[in-house]
Amino acid sequence: MDWFNSVLFPAGVLLGIEWHPWKIVGWLGNATFFSRFVVQWYYTEKLKRVVIPVAFWWFSLIGALLLFSYAAFFRKDSVFIFAYAFTFIPYIRNLIIHHRHLDAHIGCGGCETVSPPSANFCCECGTKLAKSPA
């Protein structure tokens, strides 16, 4: 990795940190994981209610996988590895639930408005919605 340090960082140090590719993976994981907080805060403020948008789960998943990779392949620290070994499970589960919920939406035959699965009537034209058999 000499070429990496000599080309991008003379003496391999920037801001007092010794840099190498795995260190960048770790910092990208931290930045991605932190960005989920910003996304959740933004949507909560925008909608004036507590909201967890789908981007939150994507940032959680990507950040956790980057941090797990850093822990497993560079640090080889069992505590750090275990901390991120199973965090992907609820993130993937929530993404699956979100996807299934979107797929369950019902299209109105009259005006083609898409309604949530729990709706019985179209919010635009009032037409009774045909439920798909489960």
Protein backbone atom coordinates (compact mmCIF):
# COMPACT_ATOMS: atom_id res chain seq x y z
CA MET A 1 0.00 0.00 0.00
CA ASP A 2 3.02 2.30 -0.31
CA TRP A 3 1.70 3.77 -3.55
CA PHE A 4 -1.55 4.72 -1.79
CA ASN A 5 0.17 6.66 0.95
CA SER A 6 2.77 8.28 -1.28
CA VAL A 7 0.27 9.45 -3.91
CA LEU A 8 -2.64 10.61 -1.73
CA PHE A 9 -1.02 11.39 1.60
CA PRO A 10 2.63 12.29 1.88
CA ALA A 11 4.00 10.42 4.90
CA GLY A 12 0.61 8.62 5.10
CA VAL A 13 -0.82 11.09 7.61
CA LEU A 14 -3.65 13.58 7.20
CA LEU A 15 -5.23 15.42 10.13
CA GLY A 16 -3.06 13.37 12.47
CA ILE A 17 -4.57 10.09 11.23
CA GLU A 18 -2.55 7.38 9.51
CA TRP A 19 -4.61 6.54 6.40
CA HIS A 20 -4.91 3.34 4.38
CA PRO A 21 -7.77 1.74 2.38
CA TRP A 22 -9.30 -0.10 5.36
CA LYS A 23 -9.24 3.08 7.42
CA ILE A 24 -11.23 4.76 4.64
CA VAL A 25 -13.75 1.87 4.67
CA GLY A 26 -14.14 2.34 8.44
CA TRP A 27 -14.64 6.11 8.16
CA LEU A 28 -17.10 5.67 5.28
CA GLY A 29 -19.02 3.23 7.49
CA ASN A 30 -19.11 5.76 10.32
CA ALA A 31 -20.20 8.58 8.00
CA THR A 32 -22.90 6.44 6.38
CA PHE A 33 -24.17 5.18 9.73
CA PHE A 34 -24.26 8.76 11.09
CA SER A 35 -26.12 10.06 8.03
CA ARG A 36 -29.15 7.95 8.97
CA PHE A 37 -29.58 10.24 11.98
CA VAL A 38 -29.58 13.30 9.71
CA VAL A 39 -32.15 11.71 7.34
CA GLN A 40 -34.47 10.73 10.19
CA TRP A 41 -34.19 14.17 11.81
CA TYR A 42 -34.86 15.94 8.50
CA TYR A 43 -38.04 13.95 7.76
CA THR A 44 -39.32 14.26 11.31
CA GLU A 45 -38.88 18.04 11.21
CA LYS A 46 -40.36 18.31 7.71
CA LEU A 47 -43.49 16.28 8.53
CA LYS A 48 -43.76 17.47 12.17
CA ARG A 49 -44.13 13.88 13.41
CA VAL A 50 -41.74 11.05 14.13
CA VAL A 51 -40.87 9.37 10.84
CA ILE A 52 -38.35 6.70 9.91
CA PRO A 53 -37.96 6.90 6.12
CA VAL A 54 -36.73 3.97 4.02
CA ALA A 55 -33.40 5.82 3.48
CA PHE A 56 -32.75 5.39 7.23
CA TRP A 57 -32.78 1.60 6.83
CA TRP A 58 -30.56 1.71 3.71
CA PHE A 59 -28.01 3.94 5.46
CA SER A 60 -28.16 1.64 8.51
CA LEU A 61 -27.56 -1.45 6.38
CA ILE A 62 -24.72 0.02 4.30
CA GLY A 63 -23.05 1.65 7.31
CA ALA A 64 -23.24 -1.55 9.36
CA LEU A 65 -21.83 -3.65 6.51
CA LEU A 66 -18.93 -1.21 5.99
CA LEU A 67 -18.16 -1.15 9.72
CA PHE A 68 -18.44 -4.95 9.91
CA SER A 69 -16.00 -5.27 6.99
CA TYR A 70 -13.58 -2.89 8.69
CA ALA A 71 -13.86 -4.81 11.98
CA ALA A 72 -13.58 -8.29 10.43
CA PHE A 73 -10.96 -7.77 7.75
CA PHE A 74 -8.74 -5.04 9.19
CA ARG A 75 -9.12 -4.74 12.95
CA LYS A 76 -9.86 -8.45 13.54
CA ASP A 77 -11.37 -7.41 16.87
CA SER A 78 -13.93 -9.96 18.11
CA VAL A 79 -15.85 -7.40 20.18
CA PHE A 80 -16.10 -4.99 17.24
CA ILE A 81 -17.01 -7.84 14.85
CA PHE A 82 -19.77 -9.13 17.16
CA ALA A 83 -21.16 -5.60 17.60
CA TYR A 84 -21.98 -5.47 13.85
CA ALA A 85 -22.39 -9.17 13.03
CA PHE A 86 -26.18 -9.28 13.39
CA THR A 87 -27.29 -5.67 13.03
CA PHE A 88 -28.16 -6.21 9.37
CA ILE A 89 -31.07 -8.53 10.28
CA PRO A 90 -33.59 -5.88 11.45
CA TYR A 91 -32.46 -3.49 8.69
CA ILE A 92 -33.14 -6.04 5.96
CA ARG A 93 -36.38 -7.10 7.65
CA ASN A 94 -37.64 -3.51 7.73
CA LEU A 95 -36.73 -3.04 4.06
CA ILE A 96 -38.67 -6.21 3.19
CA ILE A 97 -41.69 -5.03 5.19
CA HIS A 98 -41.53 -1.65 3.45
CA HIS A 99 -41.34 -3.30 0.02
CA ARG A 100 -44.28 -5.60 0.80
CA HIS A 101 -46.32 -2.64 2.03
CA LEU A 102 -45.68 -0.74 -1.22
CA ASP A 103 -46.64 -3.80 -3.25
CA ALA A 104 -49.90 -4.14 -1.30
CA HIS A 105 -51.20 -0.69 -2.35
CA ILE A 106 -54.41 -0.77 -4.37
CA GLY A 107 -54.96 1.08 -7.64
CA CYS A 108 -58.34 2.72 -8.22
CA GLY A 109 -60.06 1.50 -11.39
CA GLY A 110 -61.84 4.85 -11.82
CA CYS A 111 -59.14 7.50 -11.46
CA GLU A 112 -55.98 5.35 -11.15
CA THR A 113 -55.04 6.86 -7.78
CA VAL A 114 -52.95 4.51 -5.62
CA SER A 115 -54.37 3.95 -2.14
CA PRO A 116 -52.93 2.25 0.96
CA PRO A 117 -53.84 -1.41 1.54
CA SER A 118 -56.20 -0.57 4.40
CA ALA A 119 -58.39 1.76 2.27
CA ASN A 120 -61.84 0.62 1.23
CA PHE A 121 -62.61 3.61 -0.97
CA CYS A 122 -60.50 5.84 -3.24
CA CYS A 123 -59.61 9.12 -1.54
CA GLU A 124 -59.86 11.00 -4.87
CA CYS A 125 -63.08 9.78 -6.49
CA GLY A 126 -64.78 7.70 -3.77
CA THR A 127 -64.93 4.51 -5.84
CA LYS A 128 -65.04 1.27 -3.83
CA LEU A 129 -61.62 -0.39 -4.13
CA ALA A 130 -61.37 -4.02 -5.17
CA LYS A 131 -59.19 -5.91 -2.69
CA SER A 132 -56.84 -8.44 -4.18
CA PRO A 133 -57.25 -11.95 -2.71
CA ALA A 134 -54.64 -12.68 -0.06
